[in-house]
Amino acid sequence: MKLSVILFSLVLMLFLSCAGEPPTTPEKEPEKEPEKPVTEVEVPAPEDELAKAKELRDLILQYNLDKTAVEEFNSAENHFKEGESAYGKDNKAAKASLEEAIEGYRAVIRAGYGELSRKLKNDVEAIKKEADDLKANVALPEEYETADGAYKKALDREKAEEYEQALAGYSLAISLFRNVRDRSLEKKLRAEKSLEEAKAGIADVEKTAKEIDEEEKQGGAQ
């Protein structure tokens, strides 16, 4: 009887110990969010590159520099056309092509710069001398100073190897000195005309005075 009680107690204790531990359930792994598709960053239109390429191209054609480095110019032209064609459609490709065109155009300018620079500087000096002969620095001091300043700045640009800016500066100086020369000439011609008119007026007065004097002499003699 005692043995049965003991056995029963042991079984009961074992049962209670198992019942006290709740069954463990495996934790659920958090659900992964679906990966978002990778989208390319939109490239803005290369406006600055297009404007610069056009500026250099116009400069080359203005001074016929395309004849001094034909191969480099043709290569730059191809890149330029590719950039224009891709512009607004594939801006990344357009930007790359236009940057290549800019480098090519600058190579053309460097190749033909020496001879062109000498010609432009001679033109500036010739027109400047004509303005100096007309005393333009006295007749139009502010305008003369502006033209001279543009010329000096162009020379500084050349020393800094900023060739496209130097060429543009020489062209500007030629235009400014030409304007100063022409306006100084107009002022000189007007002054000379006024002087001639004044001289003619004085001559007329002197003639009239002489006639009056003669008339008075004749009247007195009578």
Protein backbone atom coordinates (compact mmCIF):
# COMPACT_ATOMS: atom_id res chain seq x y z
CA MET A 1 0.00 0.00 0.00
CA LYS A 2 2.78 2.41 0.93
CA LEU A 3 4.60 1.50 -2.23
CA SER A 4 1.54 2.35 -4.30
CA VAL A 5 1.20 5.71 -2.60
CA ILE A 6 4.84 6.48 -3.22
CA LEU A 7 4.61 5.50 -6.86
CA PHE A 8 1.45 7.54 -7.26
CA SER A 9 3.16 10.56 -5.69
CA LEU A 10 6.13 10.27 -8.00
CA VAL A 11 3.91 10.03 -11.06
CA LEU A 12 1.91 13.02 -9.89
CA MET A 13 5.02 15.10 -9.29
CA LEU A 14 6.39 14.22 -12.73
CA PHE A 15 3.07 15.15 -14.32
CA LEU A 16 2.91 18.47 -12.53
CA SER A 17 6.49 19.37 -13.47
CA CYS A 18 5.78 18.74 -17.16
CA ALA A 19 2.49 20.59 -17.04
CA GLY A 20 4.15 23.70 -15.52
CA GLU A 21 6.32 24.36 -18.57
CA PRO A 22 4.22 25.76 -21.40
CA PRO A 23 5.05 24.45 -24.84
CA THR A 24 7.45 26.68 -26.72
CA THR A 25 6.46 27.87 -30.17
CA PRO A 26 9.09 28.97 -32.70
CA GLU A 27 9.23 32.74 -33.30
CA LYS A 28 8.18 33.94 -36.70
CA GLU A 29 10.83 35.70 -38.74
CA PRO A 30 9.83 39.23 -39.79
CA GLU A 31 8.63 39.39 -43.32
CA LYS A 32 11.08 41.05 -45.69
CA GLU A 33 9.83 44.01 -47.65
CA PRO A 34 10.02 43.48 -51.38
CA GLU A 35 13.07 45.13 -52.87
CA LYS A 36 12.31 48.28 -54.81
CA PRO A 37 13.57 48.36 -58.38
CA VAL A 38 16.70 50.50 -58.83
CA THR A 39 15.91 53.58 -60.87
CA GLU A 40 18.57 55.69 -62.59
CA VAL A 41 18.96 59.28 -61.44
CA GLU A 42 17.64 61.65 -64.08
CA VAL A 43 20.46 63.61 -65.72
CA PRO A 44 19.61 67.27 -66.41
CA ALA A 45 20.02 68.64 -69.90
CA PRO A 46 23.64 69.80 -70.45
CA GLU A 47 22.73 73.40 -71.26
CA ASP A 48 26.10 74.88 -70.28
CA GLU A 49 28.03 72.36 -72.35
CA LEU A 50 25.85 72.99 -75.39
CA ALA A 51 26.22 76.77 -75.06
CA LYS A 52 30.01 76.53 -74.67
CA ALA A 53 30.38 74.19 -77.63
CA LYS A 54 28.35 76.58 -79.82
CA GLU A 55 30.41 79.56 -78.63
CA LEU A 56 33.72 77.88 -79.52
CA ARG A 57 32.35 76.59 -82.82
CA ASP A 58 31.15 80.07 -83.84
CA LEU A 59 34.56 81.52 -82.93
CA ILE A 60 36.34 78.96 -85.10
CA LEU A 61 34.07 79.56 -88.09
CA GLN A 62 34.27 83.34 -87.65
CA TYR A 63 38.06 83.28 -88.14
CA ASN A 64 38.22 80.26 -90.49
CA LEU A 65 40.27 78.28 -87.98
CA ASP A 66 38.62 75.07 -89.18
CA LYS A 67 41.09 75.16 -92.10
CA THR A 68 44.11 75.12 -89.79
CA ALA A 69 43.31 71.81 -88.06
CA VAL A 70 40.88 69.98 -90.34
CA GLU A 71 41.06 66.55 -88.69
CA GLU A 72 40.55 67.90 -85.17
CA PHE A 73 37.69 70.11 -86.34
CA ASN A 74 35.89 67.28 -88.11
CA SER A 75 36.21 65.07 -85.03
CA ALA A 76 34.82 67.83 -82.81
CA GLU A 77 31.98 68.39 -85.28
CA ASN A 78 30.98 64.72 -85.08
CA HIS A 79 30.87 64.86 -81.29
CA PHE A 80 28.90 68.09 -81.46
CA LYS A 81 26.28 66.58 -83.77
CA GLU A 82 26.01 63.50 -81.54
CA GLY A 83 25.51 65.73 -78.51
CA GLU A 84 22.83 67.78 -80.24
CA SER A 85 21.05 64.65 -81.41
CA ALA A 86 21.04 63.06 -77.92
CA TYR A 87 20.12 66.31 -76.16
CA GLY A 88 16.85 65.91 -74.26
CA LYS A 89 16.66 62.20 -75.09
CA ASP A 90 19.78 60.79 -73.46
CA ASN A 91 21.31 63.68 -71.54
CA LYS A 92 24.11 61.57 -70.11
CA ALA A 93 25.32 60.65 -73.59
CA ALA A 94 24.71 64.23 -74.79
CA LYS A 95 26.86 65.66 -72.00
CA ALA A 96 29.72 63.26 -72.76
CA SER A 97 29.62 64.05 -76.49
CA LEU A 98 29.47 67.80 -75.96
CA GLU A 99 32.42 67.69 -73.55
CA GLU A 100 34.40 65.86 -76.23
CA ALA A 101 33.35 68.50 -78.77
CA ILE A 102 34.49 71.31 -76.47
CA GLU A 103 37.93 69.75 -76.04
CA GLY A 104 38.19 69.24 -79.80
CA TYR A 105 37.23 72.81 -80.61
CA ARG A 106 39.76 74.12 -78.10
CA ALA A 107 42.45 72.03 -79.78
CA VAL A 108 41.54 73.67 -83.10
CA ILE A 109 41.78 77.14 -81.55
CA ARG A 110 45.19 76.37 -80.04
CA ALA A 111 46.44 75.12 -83.41
CA GLY A 112 45.50 78.27 -85.31
CA TYR A 113 45.84 80.79 -82.54
CA GLY A 114 49.35 82.12 -83.17
CA GLU A 115 48.87 83.50 -86.66
CA LEU A 116 45.36 84.78 -85.94
CA SER A 117 46.50 86.48 -82.73
CA ARG A 118 49.24 88.38 -84.57
CA LYS A 119 46.76 89.56 -87.20
CA LEU A 120 44.21 90.75 -84.64
CA LYS A 121 46.83 92.58 -82.57
CA ASN A 122 48.11 94.33 -85.70
CA ASP A 123 44.54 95.40 -86.49
CA VAL A 124 44.08 96.74 -82.96
CA GLU A 125 47.34 98.69 -83.09
CA ALA A 126 46.52 100.17 -86.50
CA ILE A 127 43.09 101.43 -85.45
CA LYS A 128 44.45 102.60 -82.10
CA LYS A 129 47.08 104.70 -83.91
CA GLU A 130 44.40 106.31 -86.07
CA ALA A 131 42.45 107.15 -82.90
CA ASP A 132 45.59 108.55 -81.27
CA ASP A 133 46.29 110.75 -84.30
CA LEU A 134 42.83 112.25 -83.84
CA LYS A 135 43.53 112.87 -80.13
CA ALA A 136 40.71 110.51 -79.24
CA ASN A 137 41.95 110.21 -75.67
CA VAL A 138 41.16 113.93 -75.32
CA ALA A 139 38.00 114.04 -77.44
CA LEU A 140 36.44 110.93 -75.88
CA PRO A 141 38.47 110.06 -72.77
CA GLU A 142 36.05 107.57 -71.20
CA GLU A 143 35.40 105.67 -74.42
CA TYR A 144 39.11 105.61 -75.22
CA GLU A 145 39.93 104.23 -71.77
CA THR A 146 37.29 101.48 -72.20
CA ALA A 147 38.78 100.42 -75.55
CA ASP A 148 42.32 100.47 -74.19
CA GLY A 149 41.22 98.46 -71.16
CA ALA A 150 39.66 95.79 -73.37
CA TYR A 151 42.91 95.52 -75.34
CA LYS A 152 45.04 95.15 -72.20
CA LYS A 153 42.69 92.54 -70.79
CA ALA A 154 42.94 90.53 -74.03
CA LEU A 155 46.74 90.60 -73.75
CA ASP A 156 46.47 89.32 -70.18
CA ARG A 157 44.16 86.53 -71.31
CA GLU A 158 46.70 85.50 -73.92
CA LYS A 159 49.48 85.35 -71.31
CA ALA A 160 47.24 83.13 -69.18
CA GLU A 161 46.70 80.86 -72.23
CA GLU A 162 42.98 81.60 -72.19
CA TYR A 163 42.95 81.73 -75.95
CA GLU A 164 39.24 81.91 -76.74
CA GLN A 165 38.81 84.80 -74.27
CA ALA A 166 41.84 86.54 -75.78
CA LEU A 167 40.46 86.31 -79.31
CA ALA A 168 37.10 87.64 -78.17
CA GLY A 169 38.92 90.45 -76.34
CA TYR A 170 40.93 91.49 -79.40
CA SER A 171 37.76 91.58 -81.49
CA LEU A 172 36.07 93.72 -78.86
CA ALA A 173 39.03 96.10 -78.70
CA ILE A 174 38.97 96.52 -82.49
CA SER A 175 35.27 97.36 -82.40
CA LEU A 176 35.68 99.82 -79.51
CA PHE A 177 38.71 101.60 -81.00
CA ARG A 178 36.96 101.82 -84.36
CA ASN A 179 33.99 103.48 -82.72
CA VAL A 180 36.25 105.91 -80.84
CA ARG A 181 38.17 106.73 -84.02
CA ASP A 182 35.04 107.35 -86.07
CA ARG A 183 33.38 109.51 -83.43
CA SER A 184 36.58 111.50 -82.89
CA LEU A 185 36.80 112.10 -86.62
CA GLU A 186 33.20 113.33 -86.66
CA LYS A 187 33.95 115.74 -83.80
CA LYS A 188 37.03 117.01 -85.61
CA LEU A 189 35.11 117.55 -88.85
CA ARG A 190 32.34 119.38 -87.00
CA ALA A 191 34.88 121.56 -85.22
CA GLU A 192 36.64 122.35 -88.51
CA LYS A 193 33.32 123.17 -90.15
CA SER A 194 32.36 125.46 -87.27
CA LEU A 195 35.74 127.15 -87.51
CA GLU A 196 35.36 127.68 -91.25
CA GLU A 197 31.89 129.08 -90.72
CA ALA A 198 33.22 131.36 -88.00
CA LYS A 199 36.02 132.54 -90.28
CA ALA A 200 33.52 133.12 -93.07
CA GLY A 201 31.33 135.08 -90.68
CA ILE A 202 34.27 137.23 -89.59
CA ALA A 203 35.21 137.83 -93.21
CA ASP A 204 31.65 138.92 -93.98
CA VAL A 205 31.66 141.30 -91.01
CA GLU A 206 34.99 142.74 -92.06
CA LYS A 207 33.76 143.15 -95.63
CA THR A 208 30.59 144.85 -94.48
CA ALA A 209 32.52 147.15 -92.15
CA LYS A 210 34.88 148.07 -94.97
CA GLU A 211 32.00 148.85 -97.29
CA ILE A 212 30.38 151.04 -94.66
CA ASP A 213 33.66 152.81 -94.07
CA GLU A 214 34.09 153.49 -97.79
CA GLU A 215 30.53 154.78 -98.06
CA GLU A 216 31.14 157.12 -95.16
CA LYS A 217 34.34 158.39 -96.75
CA GLN A 218 32.56 159.01 -100.05
CA GLY A 219 29.69 160.78 -98.27
CA GLY A 220 32.13 163.00 -96.41
CA ALA A 221 33.92 163.91 -99.63
CA GLN A 222 30.67 165.13 -101.16
